[in-house]
Amino acid sequence: MKEIEQVKASVAKGKIPPVCLWYGEDRFLMQEAYDVLKSFYLQTDPSGSGIERVSAKIVAPGDICEVANSMSFFANRLVVVEEVTYFQDGQTADLEPLLGYLTNPNPSTCLLFLAENVHKGRKLYKALDRAGEILEFRSPKRPQEWIEWLQDEVKLRGKTMSRQTVSQFIEWAGHNTGVLSRELDKLEIYTGDRKTITVDDFKAVTTQTIEASVFQLLDAVAKRSVKEAIMALHEVLRKEHPLKVLTLLVRQVRLLLGCNALRERGGSVSEAPSSLGISPFEAQKLWQQSLHLSTEKLTRGLQECLKTDLALKTSGGDSGLLLEVMIVKFCE
């Protein structure tokens, strides 16, 4: 993502901001960027003695400033402040020392704050923005962003993957940058000297997510293919407990009903993420699937889910068989 490229550019030029704030939900991308930044300091001090990590939950702001101002045998120092909660409601730390430090930060130290989320209206945020650099690390949101990110990761490993294969791989392995990166590492080893990664490659190496399996199951239901649906159900049951599978099915059916309701009142797929509380990528998939499943069919399916849920919890019957019966009724 562009945030990592920005860090790489700063490292390449040797111009590291004296103060940085990194925040966002994607801890994997943030860790990648930190590894790049850390490499700059390890060049002059391979021992890593010029790098110090402290917790904002343990070390007071005034003490953090003292650490940042302390001198080092080596010219450059990196002070990382983790678990920063200064931007959250109800925080009680005395931030005046930090605000004072930010007016004249130590140029030989990079003071890096790591936070999950921030409030941009806070005085500290504005002071950090003036004194240094603020980067938000977020996972890709739209399908195009996911595809571009993954293609870059494939290229970094000296491999190629067609756009269609990339899209299928994301659907198969899920939307988690850390997981996808680890799976690509495995695929790099699996394919050896061969440059192109195929669908057969990732299906042989990577475990399909339960969500993707449920999506395939509902695809088979939409086609009214009892054989395919039962096979898909057995695949899902190999990975999860029957009650968890039923819970996922209920969630999916409700989301599909939400897509149909949104379409009926003139809405579009662009409204689905905010209306249904899902990612843009998931919204695109669900919207297309909902075109093949009527509201009437989905309503009947939801009723069957509720009946099966009751049977699973009270009858003591074979859970796999109960789910099979439910799926057969779905396909009718």
C-alpha atoms as a PDB file:
ATOM      1  CA  MET A   1       0.000   0.000   0.000  1.00  0.00           C
ATOM      2  CA  LYS A   2       1.043   3.623  -0.441  1.00  0.00           C
ATOM      3  CA  GLU A   3       1.890   4.036   3.270  1.00  0.00           C
ATOM      4  CA  ILE A   4       4.682   1.450   3.046  1.00  0.00           C
ATOM      5  CA  GLU A   5       5.962   3.086  -0.148  1.00  0.00           C
ATOM      6  CA  GLN A   6       6.109   6.402   1.708  1.00  0.00           C
ATOM      7  CA  VAL A   7       8.191   4.830   4.475  1.00  0.00           C
ATOM      8  CA  LYS A   8      10.472   3.190   1.906  1.00  0.00           C
ATOM      9  CA  ALA A   9      10.987   6.542   0.186  1.00  0.00           C
ATOM     10  CA  SER A  10      11.942   8.215   3.483  1.00  0.00           C
ATOM     11  CA  VAL A  11      14.408   5.427   4.271  1.00  0.00           C
ATOM     12  CA  ALA A  12      15.929   5.541   0.765  1.00  0.00           C
ATOM     13  CA  LYS A  13      16.522   9.299   1.093  1.00  0.00           C
ATOM     14  CA  GLY A  14      17.704   8.985   4.685  1.00  0.00           C
ATOM     15  CA  LYS A  15      15.180  11.605   5.733  1.00  0.00           C
ATOM     16  CA  ILE A  16      13.156  10.191   8.627  1.00  0.00           C
ATOM     17  CA  PRO A  17      10.630  12.549  10.256  1.00  0.00           C
ATOM     18  CA  PRO A  18      11.478  13.355  13.907  1.00  0.00           C
ATOM     19  CA  VAL A  19       7.940  12.402  14.955  1.00  0.00           C
ATOM     20  CA  CYS A  20       5.543   9.870  13.403  1.00  0.00           C
ATOM     21  CA  LEU A  21       2.069   8.621  14.218  1.00  0.00           C
ATOM     22  CA  TRP A  22       0.981   5.356  12.654  1.00  0.00           C
ATOM     23  CA  TYR A  23      -2.532   4.060  13.219  1.00  0.00           C
ATOM     24  CA  GLY A  24      -5.142   1.778  11.630  1.00  0.00           C
ATOM     25  CA  GLU A  25      -6.697  -1.654  11.784  1.00  0.00           C
ATOM     26  CA  ASP A  26      -4.173  -3.458   9.594  1.00  0.00           C
ATOM     27  CA  ARG A  27      -1.434  -4.518  11.998  1.00  0.00           C
ATOM     28  CA  PHE A  28       0.278  -6.617   9.331  1.00  0.00           C
ATOM     29  CA  LEU A  29       0.867  -3.670   6.989  1.00  0.00           C
ATOM     30  CA  MET A  30       2.031  -1.584   9.940  1.00  0.00           C
ATOM     31  CA  GLN A  31       4.521  -4.285  10.929  1.00  0.00           C
ATOM     32  CA  GLU A  32       5.815  -4.424   7.359  1.00  0.00           C
ATOM     33  CA  ALA A  33       6.390  -0.671   7.423  1.00  0.00           C
ATOM     34  CA  TYR A  34       8.106  -0.921  10.823  1.00  0.00           C
ATOM     35  CA  ASP A  35      10.505  -3.563   9.484  1.00  0.00           C
ATOM     36  CA  VAL A  36      11.435  -1.168   6.667  1.00  0.00           C
ATOM     37  CA  LEU A  37      11.961   1.729   9.079  1.00  0.00           C
ATOM     38  CA  LYS A  38      13.955  -0.435  11.509  1.00  0.00           C
ATOM     39  CA  SER A  39      16.325  -1.459   8.701  1.00  0.00           C
ATOM     40  CA  PHE A  40      17.471   2.177   8.426  1.00  0.00           C
ATOM     41  CA  TYR A  41      18.704   2.185  12.038  1.00  0.00           C
ATOM     42  CA  LEU A  42      20.200  -1.295  11.838  1.00  0.00           C
ATOM     43  CA  GLN A  43      22.471  -0.124   8.995  1.00  0.00           C
ATOM     44  CA  THR A  44      24.476   2.044  11.390  1.00  0.00           C
ATOM     45  CA  ASP A  45      23.949  -0.111  14.478  1.00  0.00           C
ATOM     46  CA  PRO A  46      23.398  -3.808  13.672  1.00  0.00           C
ATOM     47  CA  SER A  47      23.012  -4.541  17.391  1.00  0.00           C
ATOM     48  CA  GLY A  48      19.776  -2.562  17.506  1.00  0.00           C
ATOM     49  CA  SER A  49      20.835  -0.655  20.632  1.00  0.00           C
ATOM     50  CA  GLY A  50      19.606   2.576  19.052  1.00  0.00           C
ATOM     51  CA  ILE A  51      16.042   1.218  18.922  1.00  0.00           C
ATOM     52  CA  GLU A  52      13.875   1.387  22.037  1.00  0.00           C
ATOM     53  CA  ARG A  53      10.245   0.297  22.507  1.00  0.00           C
ATOM     54  CA  VAL A  54       8.049   1.513  25.365  1.00  0.00           C
ATOM     55  CA  SER A  55       4.374   1.163  26.224  1.00  0.00           C
ATOM     56  CA  ALA A  56       2.231   4.250  26.648  1.00  0.00           C
ATOM     57  CA  LYS A  57       0.214   2.285  29.216  1.00  0.00           C
ATOM     58  CA  ILE A  58       3.294   1.934  31.429  1.00  0.00           C
ATOM     59  CA  VAL A  59       5.570   4.893  30.670  1.00  0.00           C
ATOM     60  CA  ALA A  60       4.255   8.414  31.346  1.00  0.00           C
ATOM     61  CA  PRO A  61       4.367  11.080  28.572  1.00  0.00           C
ATOM     62  CA  GLY A  62       7.007  13.070  30.469  1.00  0.00           C
ATOM     63  CA  ASP A  63       9.281  10.018  30.704  1.00  0.00           C
ATOM     64  CA  ILE A  64       8.753   9.285  27.002  1.00  0.00           C
ATOM     65  CA  CYS A  65      10.026  12.782  26.213  1.00  0.00           C
ATOM     66  CA  GLU A  66      13.127  12.150  28.334  1.00  0.00           C
ATOM     67  CA  VAL A  67      13.822   8.933  26.416  1.00  0.00           C
ATOM     68  CA  ALA A  68      13.402  10.766  23.090  1.00  0.00           C
ATOM     69  CA  ASN A  69      15.756  13.554  24.198  1.00  0.00           C
ATOM     70  CA  SER A  70      18.477  11.263  25.544  1.00  0.00           C
ATOM     71  CA  MET A  71      21.692  11.098  23.563  1.00  0.00           C
ATOM     72  CA  SER A  72      23.106   7.960  21.943  1.00  0.00           C
ATOM     73  CA  PHE A  73      26.564   6.822  20.874  1.00  0.00           C
ATOM     74  CA  PHE A  74      25.078   6.373  17.414  1.00  0.00           C
ATOM     75  CA  ALA A  75      23.791   9.380  15.472  1.00  0.00           C
ATOM     76  CA  ASN A  76      20.234   8.178  14.983  1.00  0.00           C
ATOM     77  CA  ARG A  77      17.721   6.668  17.402  1.00  0.00           C
ATOM     78  CA  LEU A  78      14.253   5.184  17.032  1.00  0.00           C
ATOM     79  CA  VAL A  79      11.888   5.347  19.991  1.00  0.00           C
ATOM     80  CA  VAL A  80       8.665   3.375  19.454  1.00  0.00           C
ATOM     81  CA  VAL A  81       5.693   4.122  21.716  1.00  0.00           C
ATOM     82  CA  GLU A  82       3.196   1.247  21.594  1.00  0.00           C
ATOM     83  CA  GLU A  83      -0.366   0.883  22.899  1.00  0.00           C
ATOM     84  CA  VAL A  84      -1.052   4.595  22.519  1.00  0.00           C
ATOM     85  CA  THR A  85      -4.471   5.565  23.866  1.00  0.00           C
ATOM     86  CA  TYR A  86      -3.941   9.327  23.988  1.00  0.00           C
ATOM     87  CA  PHE A  87      -6.577   9.906  21.295  1.00  0.00           C
ATOM     88  CA  GLN A  88      -9.378   7.908  22.910  1.00  0.00           C
ATOM     89  CA  ASP A  89     -12.233   9.252  25.014  1.00  0.00           C
ATOM     90  CA  GLY A  90     -11.601   9.166  28.730  1.00  0.00           C
ATOM     91  CA  GLN A  91      -7.787   9.209  28.575  1.00  0.00           C
ATOM     92  CA  THR A  92      -6.295  10.884  31.657  1.00  0.00           C
ATOM     93  CA  ALA A  93      -2.551  11.097  30.932  1.00  0.00           C
ATOM     94  CA  ASP A  94      -0.867  14.503  31.229  1.00  0.00           C
ATOM     95  CA  LEU A  95      -0.028  15.293  27.605  1.00  0.00           C
ATOM     96  CA  GLU A  96       1.559  18.710  28.206  1.00  0.00           C
ATOM     97  CA  PRO A  97       5.138  17.321  28.153  1.00  0.00           C
ATOM     98  CA  LEU A  98       4.456  15.751  24.738  1.00  0.00           C
ATOM     99  CA  LEU A  99       2.881  18.935  23.393  1.00  0.00           C
ATOM    100  CA  GLY A 100       5.968  20.822  24.535  1.00  0.00           C
ATOM    101  CA  TYR A 101       8.320  18.271  22.984  1.00  0.00           C
ATOM    102  CA  LEU A 102       6.512  18.464  19.645  1.00  0.00           C
ATOM    103  CA  THR A 103       7.320  22.179  19.360  1.00  0.00           C
ATOM    104  CA  ASN A 104      11.024  21.296  19.232  1.00  0.00           C
ATOM    105  CA  PRO A 105      11.584  17.535  18.717  1.00  0.00           C
ATOM    106  CA  ASN A 106      15.049  15.993  18.929  1.00  0.00           C
ATOM    107  CA  PRO A 107      16.253  15.856  15.277  1.00  0.00           C
ATOM    108  CA  SER A 108      18.447  12.788  15.940  1.00  0.00           C
ATOM    109  CA  THR A 109      15.494  10.738  17.220  1.00  0.00           C
ATOM    110  CA  CYS A 110      12.437   9.417  15.425  1.00  0.00           C
ATOM    111  CA  LEU A 111       9.639   9.234  17.994  1.00  0.00           C
ATOM    112  CA  LEU A 112       7.098   6.787  16.553  1.00  0.00           C
ATOM    113  CA  PHE A 113       3.618   6.442  18.098  1.00  0.00           C
ATOM    114  CA  LEU A 114       1.536   3.337  17.278  1.00  0.00           C
ATOM    115  CA  ALA A 115      -2.239   3.482  17.831  1.00  0.00           C
ATOM    116  CA  GLU A 116      -5.300   1.535  16.731  1.00  0.00           C
ATOM    117  CA  ASN A 117      -7.507   4.569  16.164  1.00  0.00           C
ATOM    118  CA  VAL A 118      -7.305   8.322  16.586  1.00  0.00           C
ATOM    119  CA  HIS A 119      -9.497  11.373  16.987  1.00  0.00           C
ATOM    120  CA  LYS A 120      -8.314  13.909  14.433  1.00  0.00           C
ATOM    121  CA  GLY A 121      -9.829  16.791  16.351  1.00  0.00           C
ATOM    122  CA  ARG A 122      -7.555  16.301  19.353  1.00  0.00           C
ATOM    123  CA  LYS A 123      -4.885  18.880  20.156  1.00  0.00           C
ATOM    124  CA  LEU A 124      -2.180  16.204  20.237  1.00  0.00           C
ATOM    125  CA  TYR A 125      -3.121  14.912  16.787  1.00  0.00           C
ATOM    126  CA  LYS A 126      -2.836  18.387  15.286  1.00  0.00           C
ATOM    127  CA  ALA A 127       0.506  18.973  17.010  1.00  0.00           C
ATOM    128  CA  LEU A 128       1.836  15.647  15.677  1.00  0.00           C
ATOM    129  CA  ASP A 129       0.646  16.542  12.195  1.00  0.00           C
ATOM    130  CA  ARG A 130       2.571  19.831  12.331  1.00  0.00           C
ATOM    131  CA  ALA A 131       5.732  18.294  13.781  1.00  0.00           C
ATOM    132  CA  GLY A 132       6.066  15.177  11.661  1.00  0.00           C
ATOM    133  CA  GLU A 133       4.194  12.590   9.641  1.00  0.00           C
ATOM    134  CA  ILE A 134       0.917  10.729  10.187  1.00  0.00           C
ATOM    135  CA  LEU A 135       0.094   7.529   8.293  1.00  0.00           C
ATOM    136  CA  GLU A 136      -3.079   5.438   8.395  1.00  0.00           C
ATOM    137  CA  PHE A 137      -2.618   1.720   7.761  1.00  0.00           C
ATOM    138  CA  ARG A 138      -5.882   0.269   6.530  1.00  0.00           C
ATOM    139  CA  SER A 139      -6.682  -2.921   4.698  1.00  0.00           C
ATOM    140  CA  PRO A 140      -7.740  -2.612   1.056  1.00  0.00           C
ATOM    141  CA  LYS A 141     -11.462  -1.897   0.842  1.00  0.00           C
ATOM    142  CA  ARG A 142     -12.656  -2.208  -2.732  1.00  0.00           C
ATOM    143  CA  PRO A 143     -12.083  -5.226  -5.012  1.00  0.00           C
ATOM    144  CA  GLN A 144      -9.711  -3.205  -7.205  1.00  0.00           C
ATOM    145  CA  GLU A 145      -7.582  -2.261  -4.179  1.00  0.00           C
ATOM    146  CA  TRP A 146      -7.328  -5.885  -3.034  1.00  0.00           C
ATOM    147  CA  ILE A 147      -6.319  -7.046  -6.516  1.00  0.00           C
ATOM    148  CA  GLU A 148      -3.682  -4.320  -6.894  1.00  0.00           C
ATOM    149  CA  TRP A 149      -2.232  -5.023  -3.453  1.00  0.00           C
ATOM    150  CA  LEU A 150      -2.016  -8.763  -4.066  1.00  0.00           C
ATOM    151  CA  GLN A 151      -0.489  -8.314  -7.524  1.00  0.00           C
ATOM    152  CA  ASP A 152       2.234  -6.159  -5.951  1.00  0.00           C
ATOM    153  CA  GLU A 153       2.884  -8.860  -3.348  1.00  0.00           C
ATOM    154  CA  VAL A 154       3.109 -11.536  -6.055  1.00  0.00           C
ATOM    155  CA  LYS A 155       5.555  -9.379  -8.027  1.00  0.00           C
ATOM    156  CA  LEU A 156       7.756  -8.880  -4.937  1.00  0.00           C
ATOM    157  CA  ARG A 157       8.175 -12.659  -4.797  1.00  0.00           C
ATOM    158  CA  GLY A 158       9.274 -12.828  -8.421  1.00  0.00           C
ATOM    159  CA  LYS A 159       6.054 -14.537  -9.510  1.00  0.00           C
ATOM    160  CA  THR A 160       3.102 -13.741 -11.760  1.00  0.00           C
ATOM    161  CA  MET A 161      -0.601 -14.420 -11.326  1.00  0.00           C
ATOM    162  CA  SER A 162      -3.349 -13.516 -13.768  1.00  0.00           C
ATOM    163  CA  ARG A 163      -5.918 -10.984 -12.652  1.00  0.00           C
ATOM    164  CA  GLN A 164      -8.642 -13.649 -12.669  1.00  0.00           C
ATOM    165  CA  THR A 165      -6.495 -15.994 -10.574  1.00  0.00           C
ATOM    166  CA  VAL A 166      -5.755 -13.178  -8.121  1.00  0.00           C
ATOM    167  CA  SER A 167      -9.478 -12.519  -7.693  1.00  0.00           C
ATOM    168  CA  GLN A 168     -10.186 -16.230  -7.168  1.00  0.00           C
ATOM    169  CA  PHE A 169      -7.317 -16.524  -4.696  1.00  0.00           C
ATOM    170  CA  ILE A 170      -8.698 -13.658  -2.571  1.00  0.00           C
ATOM    171  CA  GLU A 171     -12.147 -15.245  -2.548  1.00  0.00           C
ATOM    172  CA  TRP A 172     -10.613 -18.602  -1.632  1.00  0.00           C
ATOM    173  CA  ALA A 173      -8.229 -17.444   1.117  1.00  0.00           C
ATOM    174  CA  GLY A 174     -10.143 -14.490   2.562  1.00  0.00           C
ATOM    175  CA  HIS A 175      -9.567 -10.792   3.158  1.00  0.00           C
ATOM    176  CA  ASN A 176      -6.681 -10.620   5.591  1.00  0.00           C
ATOM    177  CA  THR A 177      -3.395  -9.126   4.414  1.00  0.00           C
ATOM    178  CA  GLY A 178      -1.332 -11.126   6.885  1.00  0.00           C
ATOM    179  CA  VAL A 179      -2.929 -14.453   5.937  1.00  0.00           C
ATOM    180  CA  LEU A 180      -2.655 -13.745   2.216  1.00  0.00           C
ATOM    181  CA  SER A 181       1.000 -12.785   2.569  1.00  0.00           C
ATOM    182  CA  ARG A 182       1.815 -16.004   4.433  1.00  0.00           C
ATOM    183  CA  GLU A 183      -0.037 -18.065   1.822  1.00  0.00           C
ATOM    184  CA  LEU A 184       1.942 -16.355  -0.946  1.00  0.00           C
ATOM    185  CA  ASP A 185       5.162 -17.269   0.875  1.00  0.00           C
ATOM    186  CA  LYS A 186       4.050 -20.914   0.833  1.00  0.00           C
ATOM    187  CA  LEU A 187       3.124 -20.669  -2.856  1.00  0.00           C
ATOM    188  CA  GLU A 188       6.531 -19.171  -3.664  1.00  0.00           C
ATOM    189  CA  ILE A 189       8.194 -22.272  -2.202  1.00  0.00           C
ATOM    190  CA  TYR A 190       5.617 -24.671  -3.711  1.00  0.00           C
ATOM    191  CA  THR A 191       6.039 -23.386  -7.279  1.00  0.00           C
ATOM    192  CA  GLY A 192       9.840 -23.346  -7.121  1.00  0.00           C
ATOM    193  CA  ASP A 193      11.422 -22.061 -10.331  1.00  0.00           C
ATOM    194  CA  ARG A 194       8.065 -21.817 -12.076  1.00  0.00           C
ATOM    195  CA  LYS A 195       7.046 -18.155 -12.423  1.00  0.00           C
ATOM    196  CA  THR A 196       3.272 -18.403 -12.835  1.00  0.00           C
ATOM    197  CA  ILE A 197       0.992 -19.280  -9.913  1.00  0.00           C
ATOM    198  CA  THR A 198      -2.205 -21.020 -10.999  1.00  0.00           C
ATOM    199  CA  VAL A 199      -5.585 -21.785  -9.435  1.00  0.00           C
ATOM    200  CA  ASP A 200      -4.538 -25.428  -9.002  1.00  0.00           C
ATOM    201  CA  ASP A 201      -1.454 -24.255  -7.087  1.00  0.00           C
ATOM    202  CA  PHE A 202      -3.300 -22.268  -4.440  1.00  0.00           C
ATOM    203  CA  LYS A 203      -6.035 -24.898  -4.098  1.00  0.00           C
ATOM    204  CA  ALA A 204      -3.316 -27.466  -3.399  1.00  0.00           C
ATOM    205  CA  VAL A 205      -1.521 -25.328  -0.797  1.00  0.00           C
ATOM    206  CA  THR A 206      -4.097 -22.977   0.750  1.00  0.00           C
ATOM    207  CA  THR A 207      -7.083 -23.928   2.890  1.00  0.00           C
ATOM    208  CA  GLN A 208     -10.342 -22.417   1.704  1.00  0.00           C
ATOM    209  CA  THR A 209     -12.011 -20.146   4.255  1.00  0.00           C
ATOM    210  CA  ILE A 210     -15.282 -21.278   5.779  1.00  0.00           C
ATOM    211  CA  GLU A 211     -16.969 -18.125   4.440  1.00  0.00           C
ATOM    212  CA  ALA A 212     -15.924 -18.987   0.888  1.00  0.00           C
ATOM    213  CA  SER A 213     -17.223 -22.533   1.334  1.00  0.00           C
ATOM    214  CA  VAL A 214     -20.605 -21.223   2.530  1.00  0.00           C
ATOM    215  CA  PHE A 215     -20.748 -18.914  -0.459  1.00  0.00           C
ATOM    216  CA  GLN A 216     -20.165 -21.889  -2.794  1.00  0.00           C
ATOM    217  CA  LEU A 217     -22.878 -23.813  -0.973  1.00  0.00           C
ATOM    218  CA  LEU A 218     -25.420 -21.044  -1.606  1.00  0.00           C
ATOM    219  CA  ASP A 219     -24.297 -20.835  -5.224  1.00  0.00           C
ATOM    220  CA  ALA A 220     -25.234 -24.498  -5.606  1.00  0.00           C
ATOM    221  CA  VAL A 221     -28.582 -23.802  -3.913  1.00  0.00           C
ATOM    222  CA  ALA A 222     -29.200 -20.956  -6.368  1.00  0.00           C
ATOM    223  CA  LYS A 223     -28.619 -23.411  -9.236  1.00  0.00           C
ATOM    224  CA  ARG A 224     -30.930 -25.923  -7.506  1.00  0.00           C
ATOM    225  CA  SER A 225     -28.192 -28.530  -7.749  1.00  0.00           C
ATOM    226  CA  VAL A 226     -28.811 -30.875  -4.826  1.00  0.00           C
ATOM    227  CA  LYS A 227     -25.680 -32.920  -5.600  1.00  0.00           C
ATOM    228  CA  GLU A 228     -23.364 -29.879  -5.667  1.00  0.00           C
ATOM    229  CA  ALA A 229     -25.020 -28.379  -2.592  1.00  0.00           C
ATOM    230  CA  ILE A 230     -24.630 -31.576  -0.532  1.00  0.00           C
ATOM    231  CA  MET A 231     -20.988 -31.902  -1.612  1.00  0.00           C
ATOM    232  CA  ALA A 232     -20.386 -28.274  -0.631  1.00  0.00           C
ATOM    233  CA  LEU A 233     -22.113 -28.856   2.710  1.00  0.00           C
ATOM    234  CA  HIS A 234     -19.887 -31.842   3.481  1.00  0.00           C
ATOM    235  CA  GLU A 235     -16.842 -29.711   2.663  1.00  0.00           C
ATOM    236  CA  VAL A 236     -18.010 -27.022   5.082  1.00  0.00           C
ATOM    237  CA  LEU A 237     -18.761 -29.570   7.826  1.00  0.00           C
ATOM    238  CA  ARG A 238     -15.202 -30.872   7.549  1.00  0.00           C
ATOM    239  CA  LYS A 239     -14.014 -27.467   8.781  1.00  0.00           C
ATOM    240  CA  GLU A 240     -16.608 -26.343  11.312  1.00  0.00           C
ATOM    241  CA  HIS A 241     -19.139 -27.557  13.880  1.00  0.00           C
ATOM    242  CA  PRO A 242     -22.702 -27.914  12.487  1.00  0.00           C
ATOM    243  CA  LEU A 243     -24.028 -25.102  14.696  1.00  0.00           C
ATOM    244  CA  LYS A 244     -21.286 -22.750  13.446  1.00  0.00           C
ATOM    245  CA  VAL A 245     -22.128 -23.719   9.855  1.00  0.00           C
ATOM    246  CA  LEU A 246     -25.798 -22.994  10.480  1.00  0.00           C
ATOM    247  CA  THR A 247     -24.931 -19.627  12.044  1.00  0.00           C
ATOM    248  CA  LEU A 248     -22.902 -18.674   8.976  1.00  0.00           C
ATOM    249  CA  LEU A 249     -25.726 -19.771   6.678  1.00  0.00           C
ATOM    250  CA  VAL A 250     -28.241 -17.668   8.605  1.00  0.00           C
ATOM    251  CA  ARG A 251     -25.924 -14.647   8.394  1.00  0.00           C
ATOM    252  CA  GLN A 252     -25.474 -15.122   4.654  1.00  0.00           C
ATOM    253  CA  VAL A 253     -29.198 -15.535   4.003  1.00  0.00           C
ATOM    254  CA  ARG A 254     -29.977 -12.384   5.996  1.00  0.00           C
ATOM    255  CA  LEU A 255     -27.379 -10.403   4.074  1.00  0.00           C
ATOM    256  CA  LEU A 256     -28.827 -11.659   0.778  1.00  0.00           C
ATOM    257  CA  LEU A 257     -32.288 -10.595   1.949  1.00  0.00           C
ATOM    258  CA  GLY A 258     -30.785  -7.201   2.771  1.00  0.00           C
ATOM    259  CA  CYS A 259     -29.389  -6.895  -0.758  1.00  0.00           C
ATOM    260  CA  ASN A 260     -32.782  -7.736  -2.257  1.00  0.00           C
ATOM    261  CA  ALA A 261     -34.548  -5.239   0.010  1.00  0.00           C
ATOM    262  CA  LEU A 262     -32.038  -2.545  -0.930  1.00  0.00           C
ATOM    263  CA  ARG A 263     -32.502  -3.285  -4.637  1.00  0.00           C
ATOM    264  CA  GLU A 264     -36.316  -3.250  -4.338  1.00  0.00           C
ATOM    265  CA  ARG A 265     -36.290   0.259  -2.928  1.00  0.00           C
ATOM    266  CA  GLY A 266     -34.021   1.519  -5.685  1.00  0.00           C
ATOM    267  CA  GLY A 267     -30.692   1.209  -3.904  1.00  0.00           C
ATOM    268  CA  SER A 268     -27.404   0.167  -5.473  1.00  0.00           C
ATOM    269  CA  VAL A 269     -24.471  -2.063  -4.580  1.00  0.00           C
ATOM    270  CA  SER A 270     -22.480   1.003  -3.507  1.00  0.00           C
ATOM    271  CA  GLU A 271     -24.910   1.473  -0.607  1.00  0.00           C
ATOM    272  CA  ALA A 272     -24.674  -2.132   0.592  1.00  0.00           C
ATOM    273  CA  PRO A 273     -21.479  -1.834   2.694  1.00  0.00           C
ATOM    274  CA  SER A 274     -22.838   0.936   4.927  1.00  0.00           C
ATOM    275  CA  SER A 275     -26.408  -0.420   4.976  1.00  0.00           C
ATOM    276  CA  LEU A 276     -25.442  -4.016   5.791  1.00  0.00           C
ATOM    277  CA  GLY A 277     -22.209  -3.435   7.709  1.00  0.00           C
ATOM    278  CA  ILE A 278     -20.001  -5.438   5.332  1.00  0.00           C
ATOM    279  CA  SER A 279     -16.905  -4.750   3.242  1.00  0.00           C
ATOM    280  CA  PRO A 280     -17.224  -3.435  -0.343  1.00  0.00           C
ATOM    281  CA  PHE A 281     -15.643  -6.673  -1.609  1.00  0.00           C
ATOM    282  CA  GLU A 282     -18.194  -8.848   0.192  1.00  0.00           C
ATOM    283  CA  ALA A 283     -20.982  -6.529  -0.943  1.00  0.00           C
ATOM    284  CA  GLN A 284     -20.068  -7.063  -4.608  1.00  0.00           C
ATOM    285  CA  LYS A 285     -20.190 -10.851  -4.202  1.00  0.00           C
ATOM    286  CA  LEU A 286     -23.444 -10.876  -2.245  1.00  0.00           C
ATOM    287  CA  TRP A 287     -25.136  -8.452  -4.628  1.00  0.00           C
ATOM    288  CA  GLN A 288     -24.402 -10.701  -7.592  1.00  0.00           C
ATOM    289  CA  GLN A 289     -25.523 -13.816  -5.743  1.00  0.00           C
ATOM    290  CA  SER A 290     -28.754 -12.182  -4.594  1.00  0.00           C
ATOM    291  CA  LEU A 291     -29.743 -11.700  -8.247  1.00  0.00           C
ATOM    292  CA  HIS A 292     -30.271 -15.477  -8.454  1.00  0.00           C
ATOM    293  CA  LEU A 293     -32.083 -15.941  -5.132  1.00  0.00           C
ATOM    294  CA  SER A 294     -35.537 -14.418  -4.783  1.00  0.00           C
ATOM    295  CA  THR A 295     -36.781 -12.851  -1.570  1.00  0.00           C
ATOM    296  CA  GLU A 296     -39.445 -15.564  -1.338  1.00  0.00           C
ATOM    297  CA  LYS A 297     -36.862 -18.341  -1.659  1.00  0.00           C
ATOM    298  CA  LEU A 298     -34.547 -16.696   0.879  1.00  0.00           C
ATOM    299  CA  THR A 299     -37.411 -16.185   3.339  1.00  0.00           C
ATOM    300  CA  ARG A 300     -38.332 -19.861   3.121  1.00  0.00           C
ATOM    301  CA  GLY A 301     -34.664 -20.726   3.524  1.00  0.00           C
ATOM    302  CA  LEU A 302     -34.400 -18.611   6.663  1.00  0.00           C
ATOM    303  CA  GLN A 303     -37.453 -20.369   8.104  1.00  0.00           C
ATOM    304  CA  GLU A 304     -35.825 -23.748   7.407  1.00  0.00           C
ATOM    305  CA  CYS A 305     -32.648 -22.516   9.138  1.00  0.00           C
ATOM    306  CA  LEU A 306     -34.620 -21.637  12.246  1.00  0.00           C
ATOM    307  CA  LYS A 307     -36.392 -25.024  12.250  1.00  0.00           C
ATOM    308  CA  THR A 308     -33.074 -26.823  11.842  1.00  0.00           C
ATOM    309  CA  ASP A 309     -31.513 -24.751  14.610  1.00  0.00           C
ATOM    310  CA  LEU A 310     -34.277 -25.884  16.984  1.00  0.00           C
ATOM    311  CA  ALA A 311     -33.880 -29.501  15.874  1.00  0.00           C
ATOM    312  CA  LEU A 312     -30.103 -29.423  16.361  1.00  0.00           C
ATOM    313  CA  LYS A 313     -30.498 -28.157  19.906  1.00  0.00           C
ATOM    314  CA  THR A 314     -33.408 -30.341  21.026  1.00  0.00           C
ATOM    315  CA  SER A 315     -33.859 -33.523  18.987  1.00  0.00           C
ATOM    316  CA  GLY A 316     -30.482 -35.156  19.527  1.00  0.00           C
ATOM    317  CA  GLY A 317     -30.603 -36.363  15.910  1.00  0.00           C
ATOM    318  CA  ASP A 318     -27.690 -36.611  13.494  1.00  0.00           C
ATOM    319  CA  SER A 319     -26.576 -33.006  12.922  1.00  0.00           C
ATOM    320  CA  GLY A 320     -25.116 -33.668   9.480  1.00  0.00           C
ATOM    321  CA  LEU A 321     -28.315 -35.357   8.322  1.00  0.00           C
ATOM    322  CA  LEU A 322     -30.471 -32.508   9.667  1.00  0.00           C
ATOM    323  CA  LEU A 323     -28.402 -29.988   7.693  1.00  0.00           C
ATOM    324  CA  GLU A 324     -28.591 -32.170   4.582  1.00  0.00           C
ATOM    325  CA  VAL A 325     -32.393 -32.247   4.808  1.00  0.00           C
ATOM    326  CA  MET A 326     -32.414 -28.479   5.183  1.00  0.00           C
ATOM    327  CA  ILE A 327     -30.204 -27.995   2.117  1.00  0.00           C
ATOM    328  CA  VAL A 328     -32.385 -30.337   0.030  1.00  0.00           C
ATOM    329  CA  LYS A 329     -35.411 -28.216   0.968  1.00  0.00           C
ATOM    330  CA  PHE A 330     -33.445 -25.101   0.010  1.00  0.00           C
ATOM    331  CA  CYS A 331     -32.924 -26.535  -3.454  1.00  0.00           C
ATOM    332  CA  GLU A 332     -36.583 -27.470  -3.999  1.00  0.00           C
END
